[in-house]
Each structure stands twice: as C-alpha cells, then as structure tokens.
Protein backbone atom coordinates (compact mmCIF):
# COMPACT_ATOMS: atom_id res chain seq x y z
CA MET A 1 42.60 59.61 10.99
CA GLU A 2 39.48 58.02 12.40
CA PHE A 3 36.51 56.55 10.56
CA PRO A 4 33.08 55.96 12.05
CA ALA A 5 31.83 52.45 12.55
CA ILE A 6 28.75 51.28 10.66
CA GLU A 7 26.51 49.10 12.81
CA GLY A 8 23.72 46.85 11.59
CA GLY A 9 21.45 47.27 14.59
CA GLU A 10 20.68 44.82 17.35
CA GLY A 11 22.30 41.46 16.76
CA GLY A 12 23.69 42.59 13.40
CA VAL A 13 27.18 43.13 12.05
CA GLU A 14 29.61 45.94 12.70
CA LEU A 15 31.68 47.28 9.81
CA ALA A 16 34.65 49.38 10.99
CA ALA A 17 37.04 51.19 8.62
CA GLU A 18 40.64 51.63 9.76
CA PRO A 19 43.25 54.18 8.65
CA PRO A 20 44.86 53.64 5.24
CA LEU A 21 47.57 51.03 5.21
CA GLY A 22 50.00 50.02 2.52
CA VAL A 23 50.84 51.49 -0.85
CA GLY A 24 48.21 53.53 -2.66
CA GLY A 25 46.26 54.29 0.46
CA LEU A 26 44.18 51.09 0.37
CA LEU A 27 41.56 50.78 3.02
CA ILE A 28 41.39 47.61 5.03
CA CYS A 29 37.98 47.01 6.48
CA ARG A 30 37.35 44.65 9.35
CA LEU A 31 34.08 42.73 9.38
CA ARG A 32 33.25 41.65 12.85
CA ILE A 33 30.33 39.41 13.78
CA VAL A 34 28.94 40.75 16.97
CA SER A 35 26.97 38.43 19.27
CA HIS A 36 24.44 40.15 21.41
CA ALA A 37 21.93 38.86 23.89
CA GLY A 38 19.23 39.64 21.34
CA ILE A 39 20.54 37.01 18.91
CA LEU A 40 20.55 34.31 21.56
CA GLY A 41 17.05 35.26 22.59
CA LYS A 42 15.76 35.01 19.04
CA MET A 43 17.49 31.66 18.58
CA ARG A 44 15.92 30.29 21.73
CA ARG A 45 12.48 31.43 20.64
CA THR A 46 12.99 29.82 17.21
CA VAL A 47 14.03 26.50 18.77
CA GLN A 48 11.00 26.57 21.04
CA VAL A 49 8.67 27.14 18.10
CA VAL A 50 10.24 24.28 16.10
CA ALA A 51 10.03 21.96 19.08
CA GLY A 52 6.37 22.87 19.59
CA VAL A 53 5.53 22.12 15.96
CA GLY A 54 7.35 18.80 16.19
CA ALA A 55 5.42 17.85 19.31
CA VAL A 56 2.11 18.65 17.62
CA LEU A 57 3.01 16.55 14.59
CA ALA A 58 4.14 13.67 16.79
CA MET A 59 0.88 13.80 18.76
CA ALA A 60 -1.09 13.78 15.52
CA GLY A 61 0.81 10.69 14.45
CA VAL A 62 0.03 8.96 17.73
CA LEU A 63 -3.65 9.81 17.47
CA ARG A 64 -3.75 8.55 13.91
CA ALA A 65 -1.98 5.33 14.92
CA GLY A 66 -4.47 4.84 17.72
CA THR A 67 -7.33 4.81 15.24
CA GLY A 68 -5.72 2.03 13.21
CA GLU A 69 -5.13 4.20 10.13
CA GLY A 70 -2.05 3.73 7.99
CA PHE A 71 -1.07 0.17 8.94
CA GLY A 72 -3.39 -1.92 6.81
CA TYR A 73 -2.81 -4.93 9.06
CA GLU A 74 -5.52 -7.56 8.84
CA PRO A 75 -5.57 -9.87 11.87
CA PRO A 76 -5.44 -13.55 10.98
CA VAL A 77 -8.56 -15.65 11.36
CA VAL A 78 -7.76 -18.30 13.93
CA ALA A 79 -10.84 -20.08 15.23
CA GLY A 80 -9.85 -23.22 17.01
CA ARG A 81 -6.60 -25.09 17.08
CA LEU A 82 -5.31 -26.29 13.75
CA PHE A 83 -2.76 -28.59 15.38
CA GLY A 84 -4.45 -30.97 17.78
CA GLU A 85 -3.23 -32.71 20.90
CA GLU A 86 -1.71 -35.53 18.88
CA LEU A 87 0.98 -33.18 17.60
CA SER A 88 4.33 -34.44 18.88
CA MET A 89 5.03 -31.28 20.91
CA PHE A 90 4.53 -30.73 24.62
CA GLU A 91 2.46 -27.76 25.77
CA GLN A 92 5.53 -26.02 27.17
CA GLU A 93 7.33 -26.41 23.84
CA ARG A 94 4.32 -25.04 21.97
CA ARG A 95 4.22 -22.05 24.30
CA GLU A 96 7.92 -21.30 23.90
CA TYR A 97 7.79 -21.47 20.11
CA ALA A 98 4.68 -19.27 20.04
CA THR A 99 6.24 -16.68 22.35
CA ASN A 100 9.49 -16.46 20.42
CA LEU A 101 7.66 -16.22 17.10
CA ALA A 102 5.56 -13.35 18.46
CA VAL A 103 8.65 -11.57 19.83
CA TYR A 104 10.30 -11.93 16.44
CA ALA A 105 7.21 -10.50 14.73
CA ALA A 106 7.19 -7.42 16.97
CA SER A 107 10.93 -6.83 16.47
CA HIS A 108 10.60 -7.33 12.73
CA VAL A 109 7.94 -4.63 12.44
CA ALA A 110 9.92 -2.26 14.65
CA GLU A 111 13.01 -2.77 12.48
CA LYS A 112 11.55 -3.04 8.97
CA GLY A 113 8.49 -0.78 9.22
CA THR A 114 4.90 -1.43 8.24
CA GLY A 115 5.11 -2.08 4.51
CA PRO A 116 2.69 -4.55 2.91
CA ASP A 117 5.29 -7.32 2.57
CA VAL A 118 6.39 -6.92 6.18
CA LEU A 119 2.83 -7.01 7.50
CA ASN A 120 1.95 -10.03 5.37
CA HIS A 121 4.96 -11.91 6.73
CA VAL A 122 4.17 -10.88 10.31
CA ARG A 123 0.53 -11.96 9.86
CA ARG A 124 1.70 -15.46 8.96
CA VAL A 125 4.04 -15.62 11.94
CA ILE A 126 1.36 -14.44 14.38
CA ALA A 127 -1.21 -16.86 12.95
CA LEU A 128 1.15 -19.80 13.36
CA ALA A 129 1.95 -18.74 16.92
CA LEU A 130 -1.75 -18.60 17.79
CA HIS A 131 -2.37 -22.04 16.29
CA LEU A 132 0.42 -23.43 18.46
CA ASP A 133 -0.80 -21.66 21.59
CA PRO A 134 -4.16 -19.85 21.20
CA ARG A 135 -3.84 -18.17 24.62
CA ASN A 136 -0.27 -17.03 24.20
CA ARG A 137 0.08 -13.65 25.89
CA ARG A 138 2.72 -12.14 23.61
CA ALA A 139 1.04 -13.28 20.40
CA LEU A 140 -2.35 -11.92 21.46
CA VAL A 141 -0.90 -8.56 22.51
CA VAL A 142 1.13 -8.03 19.34
CA ASN A 143 -1.79 -9.07 17.14
CA PHE A 144 -4.13 -6.64 18.95
CA GLN A 145 -1.66 -3.73 18.78
CA LEU A 146 -1.05 -4.14 15.07
CA ALA A 147 -4.79 -4.38 14.42
CA LYS A 148 -5.24 -1.03 16.22
CA GLY A 149 -2.38 0.61 14.35
CA VAL A 150 -0.08 0.68 17.37
CA LEU A 151 3.56 -0.15 16.73
CA PRO A 152 4.52 -2.88 19.23
CA GLU A 153 7.68 -2.57 21.24
CA ALA A 154 10.58 -4.72 20.15
CA GLY A 155 10.69 -7.29 22.93
CA LYS A 156 13.64 -9.41 23.92
CA GLY A 157 13.15 -13.09 23.28
CA ASN A 158 15.22 -16.12 24.17
CA TYR A 159 16.84 -16.27 20.73
CA ASN A 160 18.05 -13.93 18.04
CA SER A 161 16.92 -14.36 14.45
CA ARG A 162 19.82 -16.60 13.47
CA THR A 163 19.33 -18.98 16.39
CA LEU A 164 15.56 -19.03 15.93
CA SER A 165 16.03 -19.98 12.28
CA ARG A 166 18.25 -22.93 13.20
CA LEU A 167 15.81 -24.13 15.86
CA LEU A 168 12.87 -23.97 13.47
CA LEU A 169 14.74 -25.97 10.86
CA SER A 170 15.80 -28.64 13.36
CA ARG A 171 12.24 -29.01 14.63
CA ALA A 172 10.90 -29.11 11.07
CA ARG A 173 13.15 -32.06 10.27
CA LEU A 174 11.78 -34.03 13.21
CA LEU A 175 8.18 -33.17 12.37
CA GLY A 176 8.74 -34.13 8.73
CA GLU A 177 9.55 -37.67 9.76
CA ARG A 178 6.04 -38.16 11.13
CA ASP A 179 3.12 -39.46 9.12
CA ARG A 180 0.34 -37.20 10.36
CA ALA A 181 -0.86 -34.43 8.06
CA GLY A 182 -0.73 -31.80 10.80
CA GLU A 183 2.92 -32.50 11.55
CA LYS A 184 3.79 -32.44 7.85
CA LEU A 185 2.07 -29.07 7.53
CA LEU A 186 3.85 -27.60 10.55
CA ALA A 187 7.16 -28.91 9.23
CA ARG A 188 6.62 -27.02 5.98
CA CYS A 189 5.73 -23.84 7.86
CA PHE A 190 8.80 -24.06 10.07
CA THR A 191 11.07 -24.74 7.09
CA GLU A 192 9.83 -21.73 5.16
CA LEU A 193 10.02 -19.42 8.17
CA ALA A 194 13.55 -20.62 8.93
CA ALA A 195 14.65 -19.57 5.44
CA VAL A 196 12.81 -16.23 5.48
CA ILE A 197 13.88 -15.24 9.00
CA ASP A 198 17.57 -15.84 8.23
CA PRO A 199 18.38 -16.06 4.50
CA ARG A 200 22.02 -16.65 5.45
CA ASN A 201 21.03 -20.05 6.83
CA GLU A 202 21.97 -21.99 3.70
CA ASP A 203 20.58 -25.29 4.97
CA ALA A 204 17.18 -23.70 5.58
CA VAL A 205 17.18 -21.98 2.20
CA TYR A 206 18.13 -25.19 0.40
CA GLU A 207 15.50 -27.31 2.12
CA PHE A 208 12.86 -24.65 1.55
CA GLU A 209 13.66 -24.52 -2.16
CA ILE A 210 13.56 -28.32 -2.46
CA GLN A 211 10.24 -28.31 -0.60
CA ARG A 212 8.88 -25.72 -3.00
CA LEU A 213 10.07 -27.65 -6.06
CA ASP A 214 8.63 -30.94 -4.82
CA SER A 215 5.33 -29.79 -3.33
CA GLY A 216 4.75 -26.29 -4.69
CA ALA A 217 4.31 -23.10 -2.73
CA LEU A 218 2.66 -23.43 0.66
CA ASP A 219 -0.85 -21.98 0.76
CA TRP A 220 -0.64 -19.91 3.94
CA ARG A 221 -4.37 -19.27 3.88
CA VAL A 222 -4.69 -22.61 5.64
CA ILE A 223 -2.90 -20.93 8.57
CA THR A 224 -3.95 -17.29 8.32
CA ASP A 225 -7.60 -17.76 7.34
CA ALA A 226 -8.56 -20.95 9.11
CA ALA A 227 -12.17 -20.24 10.09
CA SER A 228 -12.39 -23.67 11.67
CA ALA A 229 -10.33 -26.81 11.72
CA GLY A 230 -11.44 -30.17 10.47
CA GLU A 231 -9.00 -33.02 10.78
CA GLU A 232 -5.70 -32.10 12.32
CA GLY A 233 -3.59 -30.18 9.85
CA GLU A 234 -6.40 -29.81 7.33
CA PRO A 235 -8.92 -26.96 7.07
CA ALA A 236 -12.54 -27.88 7.32
CA GLY A 237 -14.09 -28.21 3.90
CA PRO A 238 -17.71 -28.01 2.84
CA ALA A 239 -19.94 -30.77 4.09
CA GLY A 240 -20.51 -33.55 1.59
CA PRO A 241 -23.90 -34.89 0.53
CA PRO A 242 -25.66 -37.16 3.05
CA PRO A 243 -25.45 -40.89 2.45
CA PRO A 244 -28.23 -42.27 0.25
CA GLY A 245 -31.26 -43.58 2.16
CA PRO A 246 -34.30 -45.57 1.18
CA PRO A 247 -36.45 -44.05 -1.56
CA GLU A 248 -39.24 -41.85 -0.32
CA ALA A 249 -42.88 -42.61 -1.18
CA PRO A 250 -44.66 -40.11 -3.43
CA ALA A 251 -46.66 -37.45 -1.66
CA GLY A 252 -50.11 -38.61 -0.54
CA GLU A 253 -49.33 -42.33 -0.76
CA PRO A 254 -48.52 -44.60 2.19
CA PRO A 255 -45.13 -46.20 2.18
CA ALA A 256 -44.93 -49.55 0.44
CA ASP A 257 -45.30 -52.62 2.61
CA PRO A 258 -42.34 -54.92 2.86
CA PRO A 259 -42.48 -57.96 0.57
CA VAL A 260 -44.26 -60.99 2.04
CA ALA A 261 -43.06 -64.51 1.44
CA PRO A 262 -45.51 -66.67 -0.54
CA PRO A 263 -47.44 -69.28 1.52
CA ASN A 264 -46.11 -72.79 1.68
CA PRO A 265 -48.57 -75.06 -0.23
CA GLU A 266 -47.62 -78.08 1.87
CA GLY A 267 -49.11 -76.33 4.91
C-alpha cells in the first residue's frame, strides 16, 4: 500500500508515510529535511544583508570617532618644559623614556578601552612624556589621535609593562637622591607610574604607598595642566607685589628736595 508524500514547498520539509509496520497497524512516518538550492540562495542573501548592515554601522562608528565624539579625552596643557636642562638625564634618555611612555599609553587604551579612569591615567602619562621630550613623535601623535577621538594603534615599544615598571622605579630611586625640586618631582611621578603600570611589582607598590603616606597624594595638575613653568619642577605662580620704592609726592606738588647739611659756622 502506498501513501502520498506531503511536501512543504520550495526549501521546506517532506513528510512521507510508509506502509503499516508492527502490531496494531501503527504508522511510522519519516521526516526528512530536504535541502534545495533555494534554501542556500536565501541564506546567502541573508548573510549579505547582515554584512551590509554591519558595514554601515562600522562606518558610522568611524565617522563618529573622527569627529572626536564619545572619547571625552582632554589633551594635557604642556606649555614649555617643566624639567629643565639641569635635570640629570641626557637628551637621548629623555627621548627613550618619552617614547616608551607614549607607546604604553596607546597600548593601554587599545587594551582597556576609553573609560574615564583609563583616559585620565593616559593623560598623565602623555603629559609626562611631553615634559620630558616636547617634540617626541610618538607622544604627539597619540595625544592628537585621542583628542580627535581616534583610537591609536597599539605600538610595539622596547619594553613590556613589567619591564617598564622596573625601569621607572630604578630611575626614580636615582632621581630621589638629588636635591633639586624638579628631580624630586620626577622621582615621585616615576614611582607612582611604576606601581600603577604593574601592580604586581611589590617594590614599586610599597615605595609608592610610603611616598603617599609621607608626602600625600601627588597633585598631577602640576604635570597635566602646566600652563607655564617657573623654576624647574615648580609651576609658575602668580607674580608677587613689586618691591617697595620711595614714597610718591602728592599730585600737583614737586618732589621734595633732598635734605641739605647745615652750614659750618666756622666757615
């Protein structure tokens, strides 16, 4: 006995009934999934539509990033060099530290995203790099890209985060032995960054905590918002009052003549 097959149309299912089998004349139905060229065609069209929508959304994100929206990054104010020539670091050493700090900043944003805490930390790092080397190529590029809302590429520096943390701490110890205010300030910056960059560096964390307990939290505005630099390591403050001069004569009166010695009566 034959039974007709029930088809679900193009790309559908086919339900075929077979002759009775077993006790009681039970019917066993076979449900077969039939793949037709129509299904594959529809799937390809669906994938193309999804890919097109994704491309449009990605382009919108790029355009939005190009306008600087969404990041909230405020470039540091670095006018002039906070650390003068008397800093005990050669120009090549300044350049290398600035470059590696900028590379770390770009990699940190690429890895951690653009949250407020991340951007605030990166702003400090970039500001310090620019104070060390105001014309540093990598620091200037990363700072400009973040200001425009462009995510910088994670560059490859000379050191990973763990090695950079150890180098910063070692250099901070040497700078801390100096007497100049600028070197003391840079030592504090390096110590704090060493602890933040690699919290597993126990020596850096310990020295940073002792520094904080002894001297309080470092005011990074000296680095990130230094409109101009006064003495090395110290931001320029408001100008003080001029030194006192001779009293001025009242308006409309000539200035008083200097005192004249009395004549000698003996001639």
